[in-house]
Amino acid sequence: MPDYLEYTSDSDHNFKAALLRIPEAVHIFARLDQHITAMVQHLGKLPELTARDAFFFIGTFVLMFQRQSRNGFSLLCRRMSYDALLVLRPGIEAVIFAYRIFREPRLLEVWARRNDNFREFSQEFRRAEIPGDMPHRDAIAREIDFLNDYWAHPSINYFASSIAIADREIRVHFFDHNDPQYFLVLLSFLDICIKAAEVFRRIWTDRFNVFVTSTEEEFRRLMGDCETLKARWRERTGR
């Protein structure tokens, strides 16, 4: 097991190497991040938007997703996919919370009063079904379930993906050592982040349709480039 300074040095090396090894993935994520920034900046240009408006707080969920996805992707570049997916998890939940409030603005108060009435919050935000018309509802729900089953808790699934047991030796992998598995997680990460952005675009459509239509072509190119990258990976690996 490396000492802490060696561990951080390896992490920094992996990040710099990723800029050379996976430039297409880095470029796709940077373009997606720029798109999210543009969505938030559009809100800031609307003088009628105030803290009394549910959309004001939906904007904070967008920023939460951006922060978590940025940090998660940085960890992926360091070949720390376990940590990356844990960091992304609240970002994905922020997408679902935002869509719930978009569909039922009264839920903003339920969310804000979580500590006063946890039972109502839990019922509306944890137990209630994800709205059926949310884009990519099933894929996003599967991602949350997957993270809960394999990443969020020290279950047997977590141990199976993180630990190697040999004769009289137990190893915990701090960095991704299996290239095919690493690239699978990387592409899945990009895919779910693009799906999350589509949810926010759906929210924006009802009220800020000009932004959505003016960026449609650019966003479709981003989606197409991600699909092309996934297809190339499948050709190389047969997965």
Protein backbone atom coordinates (compact mmCIF):
# COMPACT_ATOMS: atom_id res chain seq x y z
CA MET A 1 0.00 0.00 0.00
CA PRO A 2 1.49 3.39 -0.98
CA ASP A 3 1.95 6.11 1.61
CA TYR A 4 -0.20 9.22 1.33
CA LEU A 5 2.27 11.35 -0.64
CA GLU A 6 2.82 8.55 -3.14
CA TYR A 7 -0.96 8.10 -3.38
CA THR A 8 -1.54 11.79 -4.17
CA SER A 9 1.33 11.79 -6.64
CA ASP A 10 -0.17 8.80 -8.46
CA SER A 11 -3.54 10.56 -8.50
CA ASP A 12 -2.05 13.70 -10.06
CA HIS A 13 -0.18 11.61 -12.62
CA ASN A 14 -3.38 9.80 -13.60
CA PHE A 15 -5.19 13.11 -14.10
CA LYS A 16 -2.52 14.50 -16.41
CA ALA A 17 -2.33 11.21 -18.31
CA ALA A 18 -6.10 11.23 -18.82
CA LEU A 19 -5.87 14.50 -20.73
CA LEU A 20 -3.71 12.63 -23.25
CA ARG A 21 -5.39 9.21 -23.12
CA ILE A 22 -9.07 10.20 -23.21
CA PRO A 23 -9.17 13.62 -24.92
CA GLU A 24 -12.50 12.93 -26.65
CA ALA A 25 -14.20 12.15 -23.33
CA VAL A 26 -12.68 15.23 -21.70
CA HIS A 27 -13.86 17.40 -24.60
CA ILE A 28 -17.40 15.99 -24.47
CA PHE A 29 -17.65 16.62 -20.75
CA ALA A 30 -16.25 20.16 -21.09
CA ARG A 31 -18.88 20.96 -23.74
CA LEU A 32 -21.64 19.56 -21.55
CA ASP A 33 -20.40 21.57 -18.58
CA GLN A 34 -20.38 24.71 -20.73
CA HIS A 35 -23.99 24.00 -21.74
CA ILE A 36 -25.04 23.70 -18.09
CA THR A 37 -23.30 27.01 -17.36
CA ALA A 38 -25.23 28.66 -20.20
CA MET A 39 -28.52 27.36 -18.77
CA VAL A 40 -27.81 28.95 -15.39
CA GLN A 41 -26.58 32.19 -16.94
CA HIS A 42 -29.84 32.41 -18.90
CA LEU A 43 -31.76 32.38 -15.62
CA GLY A 44 -29.63 35.24 -14.32
CA LYS A 45 -30.66 37.44 -17.25
CA LEU A 46 -34.38 37.25 -16.41
CA PRO A 47 -35.33 40.24 -14.23
CA GLU A 48 -38.71 38.75 -13.26
CA LEU A 49 -37.13 35.72 -11.61
CA THR A 50 -37.03 36.10 -7.81
CA ALA A 51 -36.51 33.91 -4.77
CA ARG A 52 -40.31 33.50 -4.58
CA ASP A 53 -40.29 31.64 -7.88
CA ALA A 54 -39.80 27.85 -7.86
CA PHE A 55 -37.51 28.25 -10.88
CA PHE A 56 -35.10 30.24 -8.73
CA PHE A 57 -34.49 27.14 -6.61
CA ILE A 58 -34.55 24.79 -9.57
CA GLY A 59 -31.53 26.79 -10.73
CA THR A 60 -29.74 25.82 -7.51
CA PHE A 61 -30.39 22.15 -8.28
CA VAL A 62 -28.78 22.69 -11.69
CA LEU A 63 -25.73 24.17 -9.98
CA MET A 64 -25.67 21.26 -7.54
CA PHE A 65 -25.65 18.82 -10.45
CA GLN A 66 -22.87 20.80 -12.13
CA ARG A 67 -20.71 20.79 -9.01
CA GLN A 68 -21.16 17.06 -8.44
CA SER A 69 -20.57 16.14 -12.08
CA ARG A 70 -17.46 18.32 -12.27
CA ASN A 71 -15.97 16.78 -9.15
CA GLY A 72 -17.00 13.31 -10.26
CA PHE A 73 -15.40 13.66 -13.68
CA SER A 74 -12.20 14.99 -12.12
CA LEU A 75 -12.07 11.84 -10.01
CA LEU A 76 -12.70 9.70 -13.09
CA CYS A 77 -9.72 11.33 -14.77
CA ARG A 78 -7.71 10.22 -11.73
CA ARG A 79 -8.95 6.65 -12.34
CA MET A 80 -11.03 6.71 -9.16
CA SER A 81 -14.38 5.60 -10.56
CA TYR A 82 -15.71 4.38 -7.20
CA ASP A 83 -15.27 7.84 -5.69
CA ALA A 84 -16.53 9.52 -8.88
CA LEU A 85 -19.86 7.71 -8.83
CA LEU A 86 -20.37 8.35 -5.13
CA VAL A 87 -19.84 12.06 -5.75
CA LEU A 88 -22.21 12.05 -8.74
CA ARG A 89 -25.04 10.38 -6.82
CA PRO A 90 -26.44 13.53 -5.11
CA GLY A 91 -26.18 15.30 -8.46
CA ILE A 92 -28.46 12.71 -10.04
CA GLU A 93 -30.85 13.02 -7.12
CA ALA A 94 -30.83 16.80 -7.62
CA VAL A 95 -32.10 16.21 -11.17
CA ILE A 96 -35.03 14.16 -9.85
CA PHE A 97 -35.80 16.67 -7.09
CA ALA A 98 -35.79 19.52 -9.61
CA TYR A 99 -38.22 17.71 -11.88
CA ARG A 100 -40.57 16.90 -8.99
CA ILE A 101 -40.70 20.58 -8.03
CA PHE A 102 -41.13 21.60 -11.67
CA ARG A 103 -44.19 19.36 -11.92
CA GLU A 104 -45.54 20.28 -8.48
CA PRO A 105 -44.24 23.67 -7.31
CA ARG A 106 -45.87 23.14 -3.88
CA LEU A 107 -43.15 20.55 -3.22
CA LEU A 108 -40.61 23.34 -2.93
CA GLU A 109 -42.01 24.14 0.51
CA VAL A 110 -41.98 20.45 1.46
CA TRP A 111 -38.32 20.31 0.42
CA ALA A 112 -37.47 23.50 2.34
CA ARG A 113 -39.20 22.22 5.51
CA ARG A 114 -37.49 18.83 5.48
CA ASN A 115 -36.25 19.17 9.06
CA ASP A 116 -39.65 20.33 10.30
CA ASN A 117 -41.63 17.53 8.68
CA PHE A 118 -39.32 14.73 7.62
CA ARG A 119 -42.19 12.30 7.15
CA GLU A 120 -43.81 14.43 4.45
CA PHE A 121 -40.43 15.09 2.80
CA SER A 122 -39.61 11.38 2.77
CA GLN A 123 -43.00 10.52 1.30
CA GLU A 124 -42.78 13.10 -1.50
CA PHE A 125 -39.09 12.93 -2.37
CA ARG A 126 -37.98 9.42 -1.42
CA ARG A 127 -40.94 7.07 -1.61
CA ALA A 128 -43.03 8.66 -4.36
CA GLU A 129 -42.53 7.31 -7.87
CA ILE A 130 -40.39 9.38 -10.20
CA PRO A 131 -42.77 11.36 -12.47
CA GLY A 132 -43.64 9.20 -15.45
CA ASP A 133 -43.06 11.96 -18.01
CA MET A 134 -39.53 12.79 -16.85
CA PRO A 135 -37.09 12.23 -19.74
CA HIS A 136 -34.99 9.08 -19.30
CA ARG A 137 -36.95 8.24 -16.15
CA ASP A 138 -36.16 4.52 -16.24
CA ALA A 139 -32.46 4.94 -17.05
CA ILE A 140 -31.97 7.48 -14.26
CA ALA A 141 -33.88 5.30 -11.77
CA ARG A 142 -31.70 2.31 -12.74
CA GLU A 143 -28.57 4.40 -12.19
CA ILE A 144 -29.67 5.34 -8.67
CA ASP A 145 -30.47 1.70 -7.88
CA PHE A 146 -27.12 0.60 -9.30
CA LEU A 147 -25.21 3.11 -7.19
CA ASN A 148 -27.10 2.03 -4.09
CA ASP A 149 -26.42 -1.65 -4.77
CA TYR A 150 -22.74 -1.45 -5.74
CA TRP A 151 -21.23 1.82 -4.53
CA ALA A 152 -23.06 3.52 -1.67
CA HIS A 153 -22.78 0.82 1.01
CA PRO A 154 -20.08 -1.71 2.06
CA SER A 155 -22.13 -4.68 0.85
CA ILE A 156 -20.76 -7.82 -0.80
CA ASN A 157 -21.21 -6.09 -4.18
CA TYR A 158 -18.99 -3.25 -3.03
CA PHE A 159 -16.32 -5.68 -1.80
CA ALA A 160 -16.43 -7.69 -5.02
CA SER A 161 -15.61 -4.62 -7.14
CA SER A 162 -13.04 -3.03 -4.82
CA ILE A 163 -11.07 -5.81 -3.16
CA ALA A 164 -8.77 -8.59 -4.36
CA ILE A 165 -8.17 -11.52 -2.03
CA ALA A 166 -5.15 -13.76 -2.54
CA ASP A 167 -3.37 -16.25 -0.32
CA ARG A 168 -2.80 -14.47 3.00
CA GLU A 169 -3.27 -11.07 1.36
CA ILE A 170 -6.16 -8.64 0.93
CA ARG A 171 -5.80 -5.73 -1.48
CA VAL A 172 -7.99 -2.66 -1.73
CA HIS A 173 -7.70 -0.97 -5.11
CA PHE A 174 -7.37 2.79 -4.73
CA PHE A 175 -7.24 3.35 -8.50
CA ASP A 176 -8.96 1.61 -11.41
CA HIS A 177 -6.74 -1.24 -12.53
CA ASN A 178 -9.07 -2.84 -15.09
CA ASP A 179 -9.09 -0.82 -18.31
CA PRO A 180 -12.28 -2.28 -19.87
CA GLN A 181 -14.21 -1.71 -16.63
CA TYR A 182 -12.79 1.80 -16.29
CA PHE A 183 -13.79 2.85 -19.79
CA LEU A 184 -17.24 1.34 -19.28
CA VAL A 185 -17.77 3.49 -16.19
CA LEU A 186 -16.36 6.55 -17.98
CA LEU A 187 -18.78 6.25 -20.88
CA SER A 188 -21.69 5.45 -18.57
CA PHE A 189 -20.84 8.58 -16.57
CA LEU A 190 -20.95 10.76 -19.68
CA ASP A 191 -24.18 9.12 -20.82
CA ILE A 192 -26.06 9.68 -17.55
CA CYS A 193 -24.81 13.28 -17.33
CA ILE A 194 -26.14 14.02 -20.82
CA LYS A 195 -29.46 12.43 -19.86
CA ALA A 196 -29.55 14.64 -16.76
CA ALA A 197 -28.99 17.71 -18.94
CA GLU A 198 -31.92 16.60 -21.10
CA VAL A 199 -34.13 16.61 -18.01
CA PHE A 200 -33.13 20.19 -17.25
CA ARG A 201 -33.72 21.14 -20.88
CA ARG A 202 -37.23 19.70 -20.60
CA ILE A 203 -37.83 21.88 -17.53
CA TRP A 204 -36.52 24.92 -19.42
CA THR A 205 -38.76 24.22 -22.44
CA ASP A 206 -42.02 25.34 -20.84
CA ARG A 207 -40.71 28.72 -19.74
CA PHE A 208 -37.47 29.40 -21.59
CA ASN A 209 -38.17 27.82 -24.95
CA VAL A 210 -36.00 30.34 -26.81
CA PHE A 211 -32.92 29.05 -25.00
CA VAL A 212 -33.80 25.42 -25.71
CA THR A 213 -34.53 25.92 -29.41
CA SER A 214 -31.46 28.11 -29.96
CA THR A 215 -29.15 25.47 -28.45
CA GLU A 216 -30.91 22.39 -29.86
CA GLU A 217 -28.53 21.78 -32.76
CA GLU A 218 -25.46 22.17 -30.58
CA PHE A 219 -26.86 19.82 -27.93
CA ARG A 220 -27.76 17.20 -30.55
CA ARG A 221 -24.19 17.30 -31.85
CA LEU A 222 -22.95 16.72 -28.31
CA MET A 223 -25.22 13.71 -27.92
CA GLY A 224 -24.12 12.36 -31.30
CA ASP A 225 -20.43 12.71 -30.45
CA CYS A 226 -20.99 10.80 -27.22
CA GLU A 227 -22.78 8.01 -29.10
CA THR A 228 -19.92 7.87 -31.61
CA LEU A 229 -17.41 7.53 -28.79
CA LYS A 230 -19.46 4.72 -27.24
CA ALA A 231 -19.72 2.93 -30.59
CA ARG A 232 -15.93 3.09 -31.12
CA TRP A 233 -15.40 1.63 -27.65
CA ARG A 234 -17.81 -1.22 -28.42
CA GLU A 235 -15.96 -1.99 -31.65
CA ARG A 236 -12.64 -2.20 -29.83
CA THR A 237 -13.84 -4.29 -26.93
CA GLY A 238 -16.87 -6.18 -28.25
CA ARG A 239 -18.87 -5.03 -25.20
